[in-house]
Structure formats: structure tokens, C-alpha cells
Amino acid sequence: NHIASVNFDELRKAFSTWKRMGLEIEIEVENIGFLKKIYELKPDIIMLDNFSPALARRAADYIRKRRGRSPKPYIEISGNINLKNVKKYAASGAERISIGSITHSSPNFDFSMEIL
């Protein structure tokens, strides 16, 4: 989340190391400008956070045009998505959509379990 405050050359070196280690790298972006900058690092997943449906579609189009036939980076959309508006976001063609309201807005159930 705080990638903007990091030296970009140092980040590129870190990405190279993480890739050699076989780690999957996901980057969260909050605007098109940052998406364009981070794209050159070739993350495995780009999460579009708090984008409107129209902006998510624009960002997804940008990613798809650049990745060509490659499936990566995968496109994930998150933030302010719920069961009422998920179809609008799905129209962007993203491979993944996160709906946090399913978990953070669900009622809890208090129980305990003893194992003897």
C-alpha cells in the first residue's frame, strides 16, 4: 500500500529478487497514473482499488492491451464492491473481484468448543 513512497529503482531490484524466489507479486493501485508506472515491473496481479466501474473498465483495457496473449498480470478489482453493483464491475473483464462486504458486514455467531 505504501509503494509510492519507495525508491522505484530499489523496488525494481526487489521485484527481480522476489520473481527469482518464485513469489507471486500483487500490486494495489488507486489510479491510472500509478497503474501505468507500476505496470513496467510486471507484477503477477494488479488490484484496482476503489475504482468506479467505468474507470475499472478503462484500467482493465489498458492492462489487456499491454499483456497481449499473456494471462498476466491478472486483473483484480476491490473496494466499494457489493452484491448490488458487482455486475457493473464484472463488465470490465477482470479475472478476480473481491467483495469485502461478504465478510466484514456479516453477522457474527459467538460459540465455544471444548475438546476433552
C-alpha atoms as a PDB file:
ATOM      1  CA  ASN A   1       0.000   0.000   0.000  1.00  0.00           C
ATOM      2  CA  HIS A   2       2.888   2.345   0.542  1.00  0.00           C
ATOM      3  CA  ILE A   3       4.732   1.608  -2.657  1.00  0.00           C
ATOM      4  CA  ALA A   4       4.561   5.246  -3.800  1.00  0.00           C
ATOM      5  CA  SER A   5       6.982   6.226  -1.037  1.00  0.00           C
ATOM      6  CA  VAL A   6       9.593   3.670  -2.103  1.00  0.00           C
ATOM      7  CA  ASN A   7      12.508   4.381  -4.429  1.00  0.00           C
ATOM      8  CA  PHE A   8      11.393   2.922  -7.786  1.00  0.00           C
ATOM      9  CA  ASP A   9      14.861   1.566  -8.675  1.00  0.00           C
ATOM     10  CA  GLU A  10      15.052  -0.235  -5.340  1.00  0.00           C
ATOM     11  CA  LEU A  11      11.574  -1.600  -5.909  1.00  0.00           C
ATOM     12  CA  ARG A  12      12.619  -2.941  -9.327  1.00  0.00           C
ATOM     13  CA  LYS A  13      15.547  -4.780  -7.668  1.00  0.00           C
ATOM     14  CA  ALA A  14      13.221  -6.210  -5.032  1.00  0.00           C
ATOM     15  CA  PHE A  15      10.782  -7.398  -7.714  1.00  0.00           C
ATOM     16  CA  SER A  16      13.617  -9.135  -9.538  1.00  0.00           C
ATOM     17  CA  THR A  17      14.656 -10.930  -6.350  1.00  0.00           C
ATOM     18  CA  TRP A  18      11.093 -11.928  -5.470  1.00  0.00           C
ATOM     19  CA  LYS A  19      10.497 -13.260  -9.000  1.00  0.00           C
ATOM     20  CA  ARG A  20      13.661 -15.400  -8.797  1.00  0.00           C
ATOM     21  CA  MET A  21      12.341 -16.767  -5.498  1.00  0.00           C
ATOM     22  CA  GLY A  22       9.142 -17.801  -7.268  1.00  0.00           C
ATOM     23  CA  LEU A  23       6.938 -15.453  -5.285  1.00  0.00           C
ATOM     24  CA  GLU A  24       3.689 -14.177  -6.762  1.00  0.00           C
ATOM     25  CA  ILE A  25       3.567 -10.384  -6.651  1.00  0.00           C
ATOM     26  CA  GLU A  26       0.347  -8.407  -6.349  1.00  0.00           C
ATOM     27  CA  ILE A  27       0.303  -4.634  -6.537  1.00  0.00           C
ATOM     28  CA  GLU A  28      -2.616  -2.472  -5.460  1.00  0.00           C
ATOM     29  CA  VAL A  29      -3.150   0.682  -7.495  1.00  0.00           C
ATOM     30  CA  GLU A  30      -5.517   3.544  -6.768  1.00  0.00           C
ATOM     31  CA  ASN A  31      -5.340   5.476 -10.043  1.00  0.00           C
ATOM     32  CA  ILE A  32      -4.471   5.115 -13.726  1.00  0.00           C
ATOM     33  CA  GLY A  33      -1.250   7.116 -13.393  1.00  0.00           C
ATOM     34  CA  PHE A  34       0.187   4.739 -10.821  1.00  0.00           C
ATOM     35  CA  LEU A  35      -1.038   1.762 -12.851  1.00  0.00           C
ATOM     36  CA  LYS A  36       0.995   2.959 -15.839  1.00  0.00           C
ATOM     37  CA  LYS A  37       4.099   3.403 -13.703  1.00  0.00           C
ATOM     38  CA  ILE A  38       3.858   0.077 -11.884  1.00  0.00           C
ATOM     39  CA  TYR A  39       2.965  -1.938 -14.988  1.00  0.00           C
ATOM     40  CA  GLU A  40       6.578  -1.969 -16.186  1.00  0.00           C
ATOM     41  CA  LEU A  41       7.547  -4.000 -13.094  1.00  0.00           C
ATOM     42  CA  LYS A  42       5.426  -6.879 -14.417  1.00  0.00           C
ATOM     43  CA  PRO A  43       3.552  -7.901 -11.272  1.00  0.00           C
ATOM     44  CA  ASP A  44       1.536 -11.122 -11.383  1.00  0.00           C
ATOM     45  CA  ILE A  45      -1.658  -9.418 -10.224  1.00  0.00           C
ATOM     46  CA  ILE A  46      -2.759  -5.796 -10.369  1.00  0.00           C
ATOM     47  CA  MET A  47      -5.525  -4.891  -7.954  1.00  0.00           C
ATOM     48  CA  LEU A  48      -7.605  -1.883  -8.946  1.00  0.00           C
ATOM     49  CA  ASP A  49      -8.684  -0.464  -5.597  1.00  0.00           C
ATOM     50  CA  ASN A  50     -11.717   1.808  -5.213  1.00  0.00           C
ATOM     51  CA  PHE A  51     -12.124   2.404  -8.955  1.00  0.00           C
ATOM     52  CA  SER A  52     -15.535   3.277 -10.378  1.00  0.00           C
ATOM     53  CA  PRO A  53     -16.938   0.672 -12.807  1.00  0.00           C
ATOM     54  CA  ALA A  54     -16.087   2.939 -15.775  1.00  0.00           C
ATOM     55  CA  LEU A  55     -12.541   3.586 -14.555  1.00  0.00           C
ATOM     56  CA  ALA A  56     -12.060  -0.116 -13.797  1.00  0.00           C
ATOM     57  CA  ARG A  57     -13.010  -0.917 -17.386  1.00  0.00           C
ATOM     58  CA  ARG A  58     -10.557   1.701 -18.686  1.00  0.00           C
ATOM     59  CA  ALA A  59      -7.752   0.344 -16.484  1.00  0.00           C
ATOM     60  CA  ALA A  60      -8.530  -3.266 -17.438  1.00  0.00           C
ATOM     61  CA  ASP A  61      -8.428  -2.317 -21.132  1.00  0.00           C
ATOM     62  CA  TYR A  62      -5.015  -0.695 -20.574  1.00  0.00           C
ATOM     63  CA  ILE A  63      -3.696  -3.881 -18.945  1.00  0.00           C
ATOM     64  CA  ARG A  64      -5.149  -6.237 -21.558  1.00  0.00           C
ATOM     65  CA  LYS A  65      -3.694  -4.226 -24.444  1.00  0.00           C
ATOM     66  CA  ARG A  66      -0.225  -4.400 -22.951  1.00  0.00           C
ATOM     67  CA  ARG A  67      -0.214  -8.029 -21.832  1.00  0.00           C
ATOM     68  CA  GLY A  68      -1.278  -9.319 -25.246  1.00  0.00           C
ATOM     69  CA  ARG A  69      -1.755 -13.085 -25.172  1.00  0.00           C
ATOM     70  CA  SER A  70      -0.206 -13.486 -21.743  1.00  0.00           C
ATOM     71  CA  PRO A  71      -2.700 -14.119 -18.934  1.00  0.00           C
ATOM     72  CA  LYS A  72      -0.615 -11.986 -16.560  1.00  0.00           C
ATOM     73  CA  PRO A  73      -0.891  -9.686 -14.912  1.00  0.00           C
ATOM     74  CA  TYR A  74      -4.260 -10.862 -13.695  1.00  0.00           C
ATOM     75  CA  ILE A  75      -6.723  -8.071 -13.049  1.00  0.00           C
ATOM     76  CA  GLU A  76      -8.425  -7.895  -9.660  1.00  0.00           C
ATOM     77  CA  ILE A  77     -10.936  -5.265  -8.615  1.00  0.00           C
ATOM     78  CA  SER A  78     -11.636  -4.414  -4.993  1.00  0.00           C
ATOM     79  CA  GLY A  79     -13.145  -1.668  -2.869  1.00  0.00           C
ATOM     80  CA  ASN A  80     -16.738  -0.496  -2.591  1.00  0.00           C
ATOM     81  CA  ILE A  81     -17.988  -3.567  -4.419  1.00  0.00           C
ATOM     82  CA  ASN A  82     -21.072  -5.329  -3.164  1.00  0.00           C
ATOM     83  CA  LEU A  83     -23.630  -7.811  -4.427  1.00  0.00           C
ATOM     84  CA  LYS A  84     -25.734  -4.975  -5.889  1.00  0.00           C
ATOM     85  CA  ASN A  85     -23.018  -3.459  -8.099  1.00  0.00           C
ATOM     86  CA  VAL A  86     -20.772  -6.451  -8.842  1.00  0.00           C
ATOM     87  CA  LYS A  87     -22.235  -6.955 -12.338  1.00  0.00           C
ATOM     88  CA  LYS A  88     -21.112  -3.450 -13.325  1.00  0.00           C
ATOM     89  CA  TYR A  89     -17.574  -4.310 -12.242  1.00  0.00           C
ATOM     90  CA  ALA A  90     -17.685  -7.721 -13.893  1.00  0.00           C
ATOM     91  CA  ALA A  91     -18.296  -5.960 -17.218  1.00  0.00           C
ATOM     92  CA  SER A  92     -14.675  -4.744 -17.048  1.00  0.00           C
ATOM     93  CA  GLY A  93     -13.484  -8.274 -17.778  1.00  0.00           C
ATOM     94  CA  ALA A  94     -11.389  -8.572 -14.624  1.00  0.00           C
ATOM     95  CA  GLU A  95     -10.375 -12.106 -13.695  1.00  0.00           C
ATOM     96  CA  ARG A  96     -10.943 -11.513  -9.972  1.00  0.00           C
ATOM     97  CA  ILE A  97     -13.363  -9.387  -7.992  1.00  0.00           C
ATOM     98  CA  SER A  98     -13.126  -9.026  -4.221  1.00  0.00           C
ATOM     99  CA  ILE A  99     -16.286  -8.285  -2.271  1.00  0.00           C
ATOM    100  CA  GLY A 100     -15.263  -7.478   1.277  1.00  0.00           C
ATOM    101  CA  SER A 101     -18.832  -6.794   2.379  1.00  0.00           C
ATOM    102  CA  ILE A 102     -19.457 -10.536   2.336  1.00  0.00           C
ATOM    103  CA  THR A 103     -17.141 -10.950   5.320  1.00  0.00           C
ATOM    104  CA  HIS A 104     -16.810  -7.607   7.083  1.00  0.00           C
ATOM    105  CA  SER A 105     -20.548  -6.939   7.112  1.00  0.00           C
ATOM    106  CA  SER A 106     -21.748 -10.390   8.037  1.00  0.00           C
ATOM    107  CA  PRO A 107     -23.327 -11.005  11.446  1.00  0.00           C
ATOM    108  CA  ASN A 108     -21.223 -12.908  13.917  1.00  0.00           C
ATOM    109  CA  PHE A 109     -22.085 -16.007  15.871  1.00  0.00           C
ATOM    110  CA  ASP A 110     -20.444 -16.475  19.250  1.00  0.00           C
ATOM    111  CA  PHE A 111     -19.685 -20.068  20.177  1.00  0.00           C
ATOM    112  CA  SER A 112     -17.079 -22.063  22.052  1.00  0.00           C
ATOM    113  CA  MET A 113     -15.802 -25.579  21.674  1.00  0.00           C
ATOM    114  CA  GLU A 114     -14.117 -27.818  24.208  1.00  0.00           C
ATOM    115  CA  ILE A 115     -12.072 -30.804  23.247  1.00  0.00           C
ATOM    116  CA  LEU A 116     -11.662 -33.371  26.003  1.00  0.00           C
END
